[in-house]
Amino acid sequence: MDAEQFFTDIIDRDESIIWAGRPNFTTFMCSGLPFLAVGIVWGIIGFGFISVFCSTSQRVGNGPPMLFIVPFFIVWLFPCWGSPLYMVWLYLSHGNTAYAITNKRVMLRSGVFGIDFQTIDYDMIRDKQVNVGPIEKMFGVGSILFNTGEVGHKGHPMLKRFYGIENPYDVFRLLKETTVDVKTDWNYPNAKRPDANPGYRTKYEPNGE
């Protein structure tokens, strides 16, 4: 399916998609590898500890009741069983993930069992950056991150991301130009507005087309 078709249900009547894309499957899946590696190491250590604990309990002949021990180990081993589930989640969510830049906003689509849309108006984007990691570079893709001012854990900014897209530098340049053009169009009369200026209702068309 063409990436633009993922957004046909939510775009406005006077809204047009300037760019749409989807994440590269391999790099999208690789984003879960650090958590998976932690889970494997955690599992090796955890099951070693469980083995020692069980053998010690047998020799001593007493220990905490199983009603307490089993839930404890299930929770404690969360990285071990949670990381493979996260990889499955990534696999299932890739088919529903897409990104778009329109003449009004930025849109992100995701989800596994349901479809979630996030839309970000250009005046909410405070900062943008493009990042091409080693794995992404191998596949000729990259990521675009932008700060909307949302704050997460310990006050760190929560960045939105176009992950593993093709031609990241071209898309980044397009996003910058569109952001500036739309913000300018909202705030100042310019060549893109008609003589009878209806203000915000003016439709932005890139490159004056």
N, C-alpha and C. Protein backbone atom coordinates (compact mmCIF):
# COMPACT_ATOMS: atom_id res chain seq x y z
N MET A 1 0.84 -1.19 0.00
CA MET A 1 0.00 0.00 0.00
C MET A 1 0.88 1.25 0.00
N ASP A 2 0.51 2.23 -0.82
CA ASP A 2 1.25 3.48 -0.86
C ASP A 2 1.10 4.20 0.48
N ALA A 3 2.18 4.83 0.94
CA ALA A 3 2.17 5.44 2.28
C ALA A 3 1.09 6.50 2.42
N GLU A 4 0.78 7.23 1.36
CA GLU A 4 -0.23 8.28 1.45
C GLU A 4 -1.61 7.71 1.81
N GLN A 5 -1.88 6.50 1.35
CA GLN A 5 -3.20 5.90 1.58
C GLN A 5 -3.45 5.60 3.06
N PHE A 6 -2.40 5.55 3.85
CA PHE A 6 -2.56 5.30 5.29
C PHE A 6 -3.24 6.48 5.99
N PHE A 7 -3.28 7.66 5.33
CA PHE A 7 -3.78 8.86 6.00
C PHE A 7 -5.04 9.43 5.34
N THR A 8 -5.58 8.74 4.37
CA THR A 8 -6.74 9.28 3.65
C THR A 8 -7.95 9.48 4.55
N ASP A 9 -8.06 8.71 5.63
CA ASP A 9 -9.23 8.80 6.50
C ASP A 9 -9.20 9.99 7.44
N ILE A 10 -8.03 10.63 7.62
CA ILE A 10 -7.96 11.70 8.62
C ILE A 10 -7.56 13.06 8.05
N ILE A 11 -7.16 13.14 6.79
CA ILE A 11 -6.77 14.45 6.27
C ILE A 11 -8.02 15.30 6.02
N ASP A 12 -7.86 16.62 6.18
CA ASP A 12 -8.96 17.54 5.94
C ASP A 12 -9.22 17.68 4.44
N ARG A 13 -10.37 18.26 4.11
CA ARG A 13 -10.74 18.42 2.71
C ARG A 13 -9.77 19.31 1.96
N ASP A 14 -9.28 20.35 2.64
CA ASP A 14 -8.37 21.28 1.98
C ASP A 14 -6.91 20.98 2.32
N GLU A 15 -6.64 19.76 2.80
CA GLU A 15 -5.29 19.38 3.19
C GLU A 15 -4.68 18.46 2.14
N SER A 16 -3.42 18.68 1.82
CA SER A 16 -2.73 17.84 0.84
C SER A 16 -1.44 17.30 1.45
N ILE A 17 -1.11 16.08 1.10
CA ILE A 17 0.10 15.43 1.60
C ILE A 17 1.27 15.79 0.70
N ILE A 18 2.30 16.39 1.30
CA ILE A 18 3.50 16.77 0.56
C ILE A 18 4.48 15.62 0.46
N TRP A 19 4.58 14.86 1.55
CA TRP A 19 5.47 13.69 1.58
C TRP A 19 4.87 12.64 2.51
N ALA A 20 5.04 11.39 2.16
CA ALA A 20 4.63 10.29 3.05
C ALA A 20 5.62 9.15 2.88
N GLY A 21 5.88 8.45 3.95
CA GLY A 21 6.84 7.35 3.89
C GLY A 21 6.62 6.37 5.02
N ARG A 22 7.33 5.23 4.92
CA ARG A 22 7.23 4.18 5.92
C ARG A 22 8.64 3.78 6.36
N PRO A 23 8.77 3.23 7.57
CA PRO A 23 10.10 2.84 8.06
C PRO A 23 10.61 1.59 7.36
N ASN A 24 11.92 1.56 7.15
CA ASN A 24 12.57 0.35 6.63
C ASN A 24 12.38 -0.79 7.63
N PHE A 25 11.95 -1.96 7.15
CA PHE A 25 11.59 -3.06 8.06
C PHE A 25 12.78 -3.52 8.90
N THR A 26 13.94 -3.70 8.28
CA THR A 26 15.11 -4.23 9.00
C THR A 26 15.55 -3.29 10.10
N THR A 27 15.69 -2.02 9.78
CA THR A 27 16.13 -1.06 10.78
C THR A 27 15.06 -0.86 11.86
N PHE A 28 13.80 -0.97 11.47
CA PHE A 28 12.70 -0.86 12.44
C PHE A 28 12.80 -1.99 13.46
N MET A 29 13.06 -3.20 12.99
CA MET A 29 13.21 -4.33 13.89
C MET A 29 14.48 -4.22 14.72
N CYS A 30 15.53 -3.70 14.13
CA CYS A 30 16.81 -3.56 14.85
C CYS A 30 16.71 -2.61 16.03
N SER A 31 15.70 -1.73 16.02
CA SER A 31 15.55 -0.80 17.14
C SER A 31 15.27 -1.54 18.45
N GLY A 32 14.78 -2.79 18.36
CA GLY A 32 14.52 -3.56 19.57
C GLY A 32 15.67 -4.42 20.02
N LEU A 33 16.77 -4.46 19.25
CA LEU A 33 17.89 -5.34 19.60
C LEU A 33 18.56 -5.00 20.93
N PRO A 34 18.76 -3.70 21.27
CA PRO A 34 19.37 -3.43 22.58
C PRO A 34 18.57 -4.00 23.74
N PHE A 35 17.25 -3.85 23.70
CA PHE A 35 16.41 -4.41 24.76
C PHE A 35 16.47 -5.93 24.75
N LEU A 36 16.52 -6.53 23.55
CA LEU A 36 16.61 -7.99 23.45
C LEU A 36 17.93 -8.48 24.03
N ALA A 37 19.02 -7.76 23.76
CA ALA A 37 20.33 -8.16 24.29
C ALA A 37 20.33 -8.10 25.82
N VAL A 38 19.73 -7.04 26.36
CA VAL A 38 19.62 -6.93 27.82
C VAL A 38 18.79 -8.08 28.38
N GLY A 39 17.72 -8.43 27.67
CA GLY A 39 16.86 -9.52 28.13
C GLY A 39 17.58 -10.86 28.15
N ILE A 40 18.41 -11.10 27.13
CA ILE A 40 19.15 -12.36 27.08
C ILE A 40 20.15 -12.45 28.23
N VAL A 41 20.91 -11.37 28.44
CA VAL A 41 21.89 -11.36 29.54
C VAL A 41 21.17 -11.48 30.88
N TRP A 42 20.07 -10.74 31.02
CA TRP A 42 19.30 -10.80 32.26
C TRP A 42 18.78 -12.21 32.51
N GLY A 43 18.33 -12.89 31.43
CA GLY A 43 17.82 -14.24 31.58
C GLY A 43 18.90 -15.22 32.00
N ILE A 44 20.10 -15.09 31.41
CA ILE A 44 21.20 -15.98 31.77
C ILE A 44 21.55 -15.83 33.25
N ILE A 45 21.66 -14.57 33.68
CA ILE A 45 21.98 -14.32 35.09
C ILE A 45 20.83 -14.77 35.98
N GLY A 46 19.60 -14.46 35.56
CA GLY A 46 18.43 -14.77 36.38
C GLY A 46 18.22 -16.25 36.59
N PHE A 47 18.31 -17.02 35.49
CA PHE A 47 18.09 -18.45 35.63
C PHE A 47 19.25 -19.13 36.38
N GLY A 48 20.45 -18.56 36.28
CA GLY A 48 21.56 -19.06 37.09
C GLY A 48 21.30 -18.83 38.57
N PHE A 49 20.76 -17.65 38.88
CA PHE A 49 20.42 -17.34 40.27
C PHE A 49 19.31 -18.27 40.77
N ILE A 50 18.31 -18.52 39.92
CA ILE A 50 17.20 -19.40 40.32
C ILE A 50 17.72 -20.81 40.58
N SER A 51 18.64 -21.28 39.74
CA SER A 51 19.20 -22.62 39.92
C SER A 51 19.93 -22.73 41.26
N VAL A 52 20.74 -21.72 41.56
CA VAL A 52 21.46 -21.72 42.84
C VAL A 52 20.48 -21.64 44.01
N PHE A 53 19.46 -20.80 43.86
CA PHE A 53 18.47 -20.64 44.93
C PHE A 53 17.74 -21.95 45.20
N CYS A 54 17.33 -22.66 44.14
CA CYS A 54 16.58 -23.91 44.31
C CYS A 54 17.45 -24.99 44.95
N SER A 55 18.70 -25.10 44.50
CA SER A 55 19.58 -26.11 45.07
C SER A 55 19.89 -25.81 46.53
N THR A 56 20.05 -24.54 46.87
CA THR A 56 20.30 -24.16 48.26
C THR A 56 19.09 -24.45 49.14
N SER A 57 17.90 -24.16 48.61
CA SER A 57 16.67 -24.41 49.39
C SER A 57 16.49 -25.89 49.67
N GLN A 58 16.87 -26.73 48.68
CA GLN A 58 16.74 -28.18 48.88
C GLN A 58 17.69 -28.68 49.95
N ARG A 59 18.91 -28.14 49.98
CA ARG A 59 19.88 -28.58 50.99
C ARG A 59 19.47 -28.11 52.38
N VAL A 60 19.02 -26.88 52.46
CA VAL A 60 18.64 -26.33 53.76
C VAL A 60 17.33 -26.95 54.24
N GLY A 61 16.44 -27.18 53.30
CA GLY A 61 15.18 -27.82 53.68
C GLY A 61 14.06 -26.86 53.96
N ASN A 62 14.31 -25.58 53.91
CA ASN A 62 13.23 -24.61 54.10
C ASN A 62 13.54 -23.37 53.26
N GLY A 63 12.59 -22.55 53.10
CA GLY A 63 12.75 -21.33 52.31
C GLY A 63 11.42 -20.63 52.17
N PRO A 64 11.39 -19.53 51.47
CA PRO A 64 10.14 -18.79 51.28
C PRO A 64 9.11 -19.65 50.56
N PRO A 65 7.83 -19.47 50.81
CA PRO A 65 6.78 -20.25 50.14
C PRO A 65 6.75 -19.97 48.64
N MET A 66 6.38 -21.00 47.86
CA MET A 66 6.34 -20.86 46.41
C MET A 66 5.32 -19.82 45.98
N LEU A 67 4.28 -19.60 46.78
CA LEU A 67 3.27 -18.59 46.47
C LEU A 67 3.89 -17.21 46.36
N PHE A 68 4.99 -16.99 47.08
CA PHE A 68 5.71 -15.72 47.01
C PHE A 68 6.82 -15.75 45.97
N ILE A 69 7.52 -16.89 45.88
CA ILE A 69 8.69 -16.98 45.02
C ILE A 69 8.34 -16.89 43.53
N VAL A 70 7.31 -17.62 43.11
CA VAL A 70 6.97 -17.66 41.68
C VAL A 70 6.60 -16.29 41.14
N PRO A 71 5.66 -15.53 41.77
CA PRO A 71 5.37 -14.19 41.25
C PRO A 71 6.59 -13.27 41.27
N PHE A 72 7.43 -13.43 42.30
CA PHE A 72 8.62 -12.59 42.40
C PHE A 72 9.54 -12.80 41.20
N PHE A 73 9.81 -14.06 40.87
CA PHE A 73 10.70 -14.35 39.76
C PHE A 73 10.09 -13.96 38.41
N ILE A 74 8.76 -14.08 38.28
CA ILE A 74 8.10 -13.67 37.04
C ILE A 74 8.31 -12.17 36.80
N VAL A 75 8.12 -11.39 37.85
CA VAL A 75 8.31 -9.94 37.74
C VAL A 75 9.78 -9.61 37.56
N TRP A 76 10.63 -10.26 38.32
CA TRP A 76 12.07 -9.97 38.28
C TRP A 76 12.67 -10.31 36.92
N LEU A 77 12.13 -11.32 36.26
CA LEU A 77 12.64 -11.73 34.95
C LEU A 77 11.94 -11.01 33.79
N PHE A 78 11.28 -9.91 34.08
CA PHE A 78 10.55 -9.19 33.02
C PHE A 78 11.41 -8.88 31.80
N PRO A 79 12.66 -8.38 31.95
CA PRO A 79 13.46 -8.13 30.74
C PRO A 79 13.66 -9.37 29.89
N CYS A 80 13.70 -10.54 30.53
CA CYS A 80 13.93 -11.79 29.81
C CYS A 80 12.75 -12.15 28.92
N TRP A 81 11.54 -12.11 29.46
CA TRP A 81 10.37 -12.48 28.65
C TRP A 81 9.73 -11.27 27.98
N GLY A 82 10.02 -10.07 28.50
CA GLY A 82 9.44 -8.87 27.89
C GLY A 82 10.11 -8.47 26.59
N SER A 83 11.42 -8.72 26.47
CA SER A 83 12.14 -8.30 25.26
C SER A 83 11.70 -9.08 24.02
N PRO A 84 11.49 -10.40 24.08
CA PRO A 84 10.96 -11.08 22.88
C PRO A 84 9.55 -10.61 22.52
N LEU A 85 8.74 -10.32 23.54
CA LEU A 85 7.40 -9.80 23.25
C LEU A 85 7.47 -8.44 22.56
N TYR A 86 8.46 -7.65 22.95
CA TYR A 86 8.64 -6.34 22.31
C TYR A 86 9.02 -6.51 20.84
N MET A 87 9.85 -7.50 20.53
CA MET A 87 10.21 -7.76 19.14
C MET A 87 8.98 -8.19 18.34
N VAL A 88 8.12 -8.99 18.95
CA VAL A 88 6.87 -9.37 18.28
C VAL A 88 6.00 -8.15 18.05
N TRP A 89 5.95 -7.27 19.05
CA TRP A 89 5.17 -6.03 18.91
C TRP A 89 5.70 -5.18 17.77
N LEU A 90 7.03 -5.07 17.64
CA LEU A 90 7.61 -4.31 16.54
C LEU A 90 7.23 -4.93 15.20
N TYR A 91 7.30 -6.25 15.12
CA TYR A 91 6.97 -6.94 13.87
C TYR A 91 5.53 -6.67 13.46
N LEU A 92 4.62 -6.75 14.42
CA LEU A 92 3.21 -6.54 14.11
C LEU A 92 2.89 -5.07 13.82
N SER A 93 3.59 -4.16 14.50
CA SER A 93 3.28 -2.74 14.34
C SER A 93 3.87 -2.14 13.07
N HIS A 94 4.90 -2.79 12.50
CA HIS A 94 5.52 -2.22 11.30
C HIS A 94 4.52 -2.05 10.17
N GLY A 95 3.62 -3.01 10.01
CA GLY A 95 2.65 -2.94 8.93
C GLY A 95 1.68 -1.78 9.06
N ASN A 96 1.55 -1.21 10.27
CA ASN A 96 0.64 -0.10 10.49
C ASN A 96 1.35 1.23 10.69
N THR A 97 2.65 1.25 10.52
CA THR A 97 3.42 2.46 10.80
C THR A 97 3.71 3.24 9.52
N ALA A 98 3.43 4.53 9.57
CA ALA A 98 3.70 5.41 8.43
C ALA A 98 3.80 6.84 8.95
N TYR A 99 4.43 7.70 8.14
CA TYR A 99 4.64 9.09 8.51
C TYR A 99 4.24 9.98 7.33
N ALA A 100 3.83 11.22 7.65
CA ALA A 100 3.44 12.13 6.57
C ALA A 100 3.71 13.57 6.95
N ILE A 101 4.02 14.36 5.93
CA ILE A 101 4.14 15.82 6.05
C ILE A 101 3.08 16.41 5.13
N THR A 102 2.22 17.25 5.68
CA THR A 102 1.17 17.85 4.87
C THR A 102 1.35 19.37 4.85
N ASN A 103 0.45 20.05 4.17
CA ASN A 103 0.51 21.51 4.14
C ASN A 103 -0.05 22.13 5.41
N LYS A 104 -0.42 21.29 6.39
CA LYS A 104 -0.94 21.81 7.66
C LYS A 104 -0.20 21.30 8.88
N ARG A 105 0.33 20.07 8.80
CA ARG A 105 0.84 19.43 10.02
C ARG A 105 1.71 18.23 9.67
N VAL A 106 2.25 17.64 10.73
CA VAL A 106 3.00 16.38 10.63
C VAL A 106 2.11 15.29 11.22
N MET A 107 2.10 14.11 10.60
CA MET A 107 1.26 13.03 11.08
C MET A 107 2.07 11.75 11.23
N LEU A 108 1.78 11.01 12.29
CA LEU A 108 2.43 9.72 12.55
C LEU A 108 1.35 8.68 12.79
N ARG A 109 1.48 7.54 12.16
CA ARG A 109 0.51 6.46 12.29
C ARG A 109 1.21 5.23 12.86
N SER A 110 0.59 4.55 13.80
CA SER A 110 1.17 3.36 14.41
C SER A 110 0.06 2.51 14.98
N GLY A 111 0.44 1.39 15.59
CA GLY A 111 -0.55 0.53 16.23
C GLY A 111 -0.35 -0.93 15.88
N VAL A 112 -0.91 -1.80 16.72
CA VAL A 112 -0.86 -3.24 16.49
C VAL A 112 -2.27 -3.78 16.31
N PHE A 113 -3.06 -3.77 17.36
CA PHE A 113 -4.44 -4.26 17.29
C PHE A 113 -5.41 -3.16 16.89
N GLY A 114 -5.01 -1.92 17.16
CA GLY A 114 -5.78 -0.76 16.74
C GLY A 114 -4.86 0.23 16.07
N ILE A 115 -5.41 1.24 15.45
CA ILE A 115 -4.62 2.24 14.74
C ILE A 115 -4.62 3.54 15.54
N ASP A 116 -3.42 4.06 15.78
CA ASP A 116 -3.25 5.33 16.50
C ASP A 116 -2.65 6.37 15.55
N PHE A 117 -3.21 7.57 15.60
CA PHE A 117 -2.68 8.69 14.83
C PHE A 117 -2.23 9.78 15.78
N GLN A 118 -1.08 10.37 15.50
CA GLN A 118 -0.62 11.56 16.18
C GLN A 118 -0.46 12.66 15.15
N THR A 119 -0.98 13.82 15.44
CA THR A 119 -0.81 14.96 14.54
C THR A 119 -0.16 16.10 15.30
N ILE A 120 0.77 16.76 14.64
CA ILE A 120 1.52 17.84 15.29
C ILE A 120 1.49 19.06 14.37
N ASP A 121 0.91 20.15 14.84
CA ASP A 121 0.91 21.39 14.07
C ASP A 121 2.32 21.96 14.03
N TYR A 122 2.60 22.69 12.97
CA TYR A 122 3.97 23.19 12.78
C TYR A 122 4.39 24.18 13.87
N ASP A 123 3.45 24.90 14.45
CA ASP A 123 3.84 25.85 15.50
C ASP A 123 4.22 25.15 16.80
N MET A 124 3.97 23.83 16.89
CA MET A 124 4.35 23.08 18.08
C MET A 124 5.74 22.47 17.96
N ILE A 125 6.32 22.49 16.77
CA ILE A 125 7.64 21.90 16.57
C ILE A 125 8.70 22.93 16.94
N ARG A 126 9.45 22.64 17.99
CA ARG A 126 10.46 23.58 18.49
C ARG A 126 11.84 23.34 17.89
N ASP A 127 12.15 22.11 17.64
CA ASP A 127 13.50 21.79 17.16
C ASP A 127 13.43 20.52 16.32
N LYS A 128 14.33 20.43 15.33
CA LYS A 128 14.36 19.26 14.44
C LYS A 128 15.80 18.82 14.25
N GLN A 129 15.99 17.53 14.09
CA GLN A 129 17.32 17.00 13.80
C GLN A 129 17.21 15.73 12.99
N VAL A 130 18.23 15.47 12.19
CA VAL A 130 18.27 14.25 11.40
C VAL A 130 19.40 13.39 11.92
N ASN A 131 19.17 12.10 12.01
CA ASN A 131 20.15 11.18 12.57
C ASN A 131 20.24 9.93 11.71
N VAL A 132 21.47 9.57 11.33
CA VAL A 132 21.69 8.34 10.57
C VAL A 132 22.67 7.48 11.36
N GLY A 133 22.15 6.43 11.99
CA GLY A 133 22.99 5.54 12.77
C GLY A 133 23.72 4.54 11.90
N PRO A 134 24.64 3.76 12.49
CA PRO A 134 25.42 2.79 11.70
C PRO A 134 24.56 1.78 10.95
N ILE A 135 23.54 1.23 11.63
CA ILE A 135 22.68 0.25 10.96
C ILE A 135 21.85 0.92 9.88
N GLU A 136 21.32 2.10 10.18
CA GLU A 136 20.54 2.83 9.18
C GLU A 136 21.38 3.17 7.96
N LYS A 137 22.62 3.54 8.19
CA LYS A 137 23.51 3.89 7.08
C LYS A 137 23.71 2.70 6.15
N MET A 138 23.75 1.49 6.71
CA MET A 138 23.93 0.29 5.90
C MET A 138 22.79 0.11 4.91
N PHE A 139 21.59 0.57 5.27
CA PHE A 139 20.42 0.39 4.43
C PHE A 139 19.99 1.67 3.73
N GLY A 140 20.80 2.70 3.84
CA GLY A 140 20.51 3.95 3.14
C GLY A 140 19.30 4.69 3.67
N VAL A 141 19.05 4.58 4.98
CA VAL A 141 17.91 5.26 5.59
C VAL A 141 18.39 6.06 6.79
N GLY A 142 17.48 6.78 7.41
CA GLY A 142 17.82 7.57 8.59
C GLY A 142 16.56 7.98 9.33
N SER A 143 16.73 8.69 10.42
CA SER A 143 15.62 9.10 11.27
C SER A 143 15.57 10.61 11.41
N ILE A 144 14.38 11.14 11.52
CA ILE A 144 14.17 12.56 11.79
C ILE A 144 13.48 12.68 13.14
N LEU A 145 14.07 13.46 14.03
CA LEU A 145 13.52 13.66 15.36
C LEU A 145 13.11 15.11 15.51
N PHE A 146 11.99 15.34 16.18
CA PHE A 146 11.59 16.71 16.44
C PHE A 146 10.98 16.84 17.82
N ASN A 147 11.28 17.97 18.44
CA ASN A 147 10.88 18.27 19.81
C ASN A 147 9.61 19.12 19.78
N THR A 148 8.57 18.64 20.45
CA THR A 148 7.31 19.38 20.52
C THR A 148 7.11 20.05 21.87
N GLY A 149 8.11 19.97 22.73
CA GLY A 149 8.00 20.60 24.05
C GLY A 149 7.46 19.68 25.12
N GLU A 150 7.06 18.47 24.76
CA GLU A 150 6.58 17.52 25.77
C GLU A 150 7.75 17.03 26.61
N VAL A 151 7.50 16.88 27.90
CA VAL A 151 8.55 16.49 28.83
C VAL A 151 8.23 15.11 29.39
N GLY A 152 9.24 14.25 29.43
CA GLY A 152 9.06 12.91 29.94
C GLY A 152 9.75 12.69 31.26
N HIS A 153 10.34 11.52 31.44
CA HIS A 153 10.97 11.14 32.70
C HIS A 153 12.16 12.04 33.02
N LYS A 154 12.22 12.51 34.25
CA LYS A 154 13.30 13.37 34.76
C LYS A 154 13.47 14.64 33.93
N GLY A 155 12.39 15.10 33.33
CA GLY A 155 12.44 16.36 32.61
C GLY A 155 13.04 16.29 31.23
N HIS A 156 13.35 15.10 30.75
CA HIS A 156 13.92 14.96 29.41
C HIS A 156 12.83 15.14 28.36
N PRO A 157 13.15 15.82 27.25
CA PRO A 157 12.14 16.03 26.21
C PRO A 157 11.72 14.73 25.55
N MET A 158 10.45 14.62 25.23
CA MET A 158 9.93 13.46 24.52
C MET A 158 9.94 13.77 23.03
N LEU A 159 10.84 13.13 22.31
CA LEU A 159 11.01 13.42 20.90
C LEU A 159 10.12 12.52 20.05
N LYS A 160 9.46 13.12 19.07
CA LYS A 160 8.75 12.34 18.06
C LYS A 160 9.76 11.96 16.98
N ARG A 161 9.45 10.87 16.24
CA ARG A 161 10.45 10.35 15.34
C ARG A 161 9.85 9.76 14.07
N PHE A 162 10.45 10.12 12.94
CA PHE A 162 10.27 9.37 11.70
C PHE A 162 11.43 8.39 11.67
N TYR A 163 11.15 7.12 11.83
CA TYR A 163 12.24 6.15 12.02
C TYR A 163 12.54 5.39 10.72
N GLY A 164 13.82 5.33 10.36
CA GLY A 164 14.28 4.48 9.27
C GLY A 164 13.66 4.80 7.92
N ILE A 165 13.56 6.09 7.57
CA ILE A 165 12.94 6.46 6.30
C ILE A 165 14.02 6.66 5.22
N GLU A 166 13.62 6.53 3.98
CA GLU A 166 14.53 6.75 2.86
C GLU A 166 14.76 8.24 2.66
N ASN A 167 15.93 8.58 2.10
CA ASN A 167 16.29 9.97 1.80
C ASN A 167 16.07 10.89 3.00
N PRO A 168 16.64 10.57 4.15
CA PRO A 168 16.35 11.34 5.37
C PRO A 168 16.75 12.81 5.27
N TYR A 169 17.86 13.10 4.58
CA TYR A 169 18.30 14.49 4.49
C TYR A 169 17.36 15.31 3.62
N ASP A 170 16.86 14.71 2.55
CA ASP A 170 15.89 15.42 1.70
C ASP A 170 14.59 15.67 2.45
N VAL A 171 14.14 14.67 3.21
CA VAL A 171 12.90 14.82 3.97
C VAL A 171 13.09 15.85 5.08
N PHE A 172 14.25 15.85 5.70
CA PHE A 172 14.55 16.82 6.75
C PHE A 172 14.53 18.24 6.18
N ARG A 173 15.12 18.41 5.01
CA ARG A 173 15.12 19.73 4.36
C ARG A 173 13.69 20.15 4.01
N LEU A 174 12.91 19.21 3.53
CA LEU A 174 11.52 19.51 3.19
C LEU A 174 10.72 19.90 4.43
N LEU A 175 10.94 19.19 5.53
CA LEU A 175 10.25 19.51 6.78
C LEU A 175 10.62 20.90 7.28
N LYS A 176 11.90 21.24 7.20
CA LYS A 176 12.34 22.57 7.64
C LYS A 176 11.69 23.65 6.78
N GLU A 177 11.74 23.48 5.47
CA GLU A 177 11.18 24.49 4.57
C GLU A 177 9.67 24.64 4.77
N THR A 178 9.00 23.52 4.91
CA THR A 178 7.55 23.56 5.09
C THR A 178 7.17 24.22 6.40
N THR A 179 7.92 23.90 7.46
CA THR A 179 7.65 24.50 8.76
C THR A 179 7.78 26.02 8.70
N VAL A 180 8.86 26.50 8.10
CA VAL A 180 9.09 27.94 7.98
C VAL A 180 8.02 28.59 7.11
N ASP A 181 7.70 27.97 5.98
CA ASP A 181 6.72 28.55 5.06
C ASP A 181 5.34 28.64 5.68
N VAL A 182 4.92 27.56 6.35
CA VAL A 182 3.59 27.55 6.94
C VAL A 182 3.51 28.54 8.10
N LYS A 183 4.52 28.56 8.95
CA LYS A 183 4.51 29.52 10.07
C LYS A 183 4.48 30.95 9.55
N THR A 184 5.24 31.21 8.50
CA THR A 184 5.24 32.55 7.90
C THR A 184 3.89 32.87 7.31
N ASP A 185 3.29 31.91 6.65
CA ASP A 185 1.98 32.11 6.04
C ASP A 185 0.91 32.38 7.08
N TRP A 186 1.06 31.77 8.26
CA TRP A 186 0.10 32.00 9.33
C TRP A 186 0.23 33.41 9.92
N ASN A 187 1.44 33.93 9.93
CA ASN A 187 1.70 35.17 10.66
C ASN A 187 1.81 36.42 9.79
N TYR A 188 2.18 36.27 8.54
CA TYR A 188 2.41 37.44 7.70
C TYR A 188 1.76 37.25 6.34
N PRO A 189 1.11 38.29 5.81
CA PRO A 189 0.63 38.22 4.43
C PRO A 189 1.82 38.08 3.48
N ASN A 190 1.71 37.23 2.50
CA ASN A 190 2.80 37.06 1.54
C ASN A 190 2.24 36.68 0.18
N ALA A 191 3.10 36.29 -0.71
CA ALA A 191 2.69 36.01 -2.08
C ALA A 191 1.73 34.85 -2.18
N LYS A 192 1.72 34.00 -1.18
CA LYS A 192 0.83 32.85 -1.24
C LYS A 192 -0.59 33.19 -0.83
N ARG A 193 -0.84 34.43 -0.34
CA ARG A 193 -2.18 34.83 0.06
C ARG A 193 -2.85 35.63 -1.07
N PRO A 194 -4.15 35.50 -1.22
CA PRO A 194 -4.84 36.28 -2.25
C PRO A 194 -4.99 37.74 -1.82
N ASP A 195 -5.45 38.58 -2.74
CA ASP A 195 -5.61 40.01 -2.42
C ASP A 195 -6.60 40.21 -1.27
N ALA A 196 -7.70 39.49 -1.31
CA ALA A 196 -8.63 39.51 -0.19
C ALA A 196 -8.18 38.44 0.79
N ASN A 197 -7.48 38.87 1.82
CA ASN A 197 -6.78 37.94 2.70
C ASN A 197 -7.73 37.32 3.73
N PRO A 198 -8.06 36.04 3.59
CA PRO A 198 -8.93 35.39 4.57
C PRO A 198 -8.18 34.88 5.79
N GLY A 199 -6.88 35.20 5.89
CA GLY A 199 -6.12 34.81 7.07
C GLY A 199 -5.76 33.35 7.08
N TYR A 200 -6.01 32.72 8.22
CA TYR A 200 -5.55 31.34 8.44
C TYR A 200 -6.09 30.37 7.41
N ARG A 201 -7.24 30.68 6.80
CA ARG A 201 -7.87 29.74 5.89
C ARG A 201 -7.12 29.60 4.58
N THR A 202 -6.13 30.45 4.33
CA THR A 202 -5.36 30.35 3.11
C THR A 202 -4.72 28.98 2.99
N LYS A 203 -4.74 28.41 1.81
CA LYS A 203 -4.14 27.10 1.59
C LYS A 203 -2.69 27.26 1.19
N TYR A 204 -1.80 26.58 1.91
CA TYR A 204 -0.38 26.61 1.58
C TYR A 204 -0.07 25.60 0.49
N GLU A 205 0.62 26.04 -0.55
CA GLU A 205 1.04 25.14 -1.60
C GLU A 205 2.54 25.30 -1.78
N PRO A 206 3.33 24.23 -1.58
CA PRO A 206 4.79 24.33 -1.66
C PRO A 206 5.25 24.74 -3.05
N ASN A 207 6.33 25.51 -3.07
CA ASN A 207 6.97 25.96 -4.33
C ASN A 207 6.05 26.84 -5.17
N GLY A 208 5.03 27.38 -4.51
CA GLY A 208 4.16 28.33 -5.22
C GLY A 208 3.29 27.69 -6.27
N GLU A 209 3.17 26.36 -6.25
CA GLU A 209 2.39 25.66 -7.28
C GLU A 209 0.90 25.69 -6.93
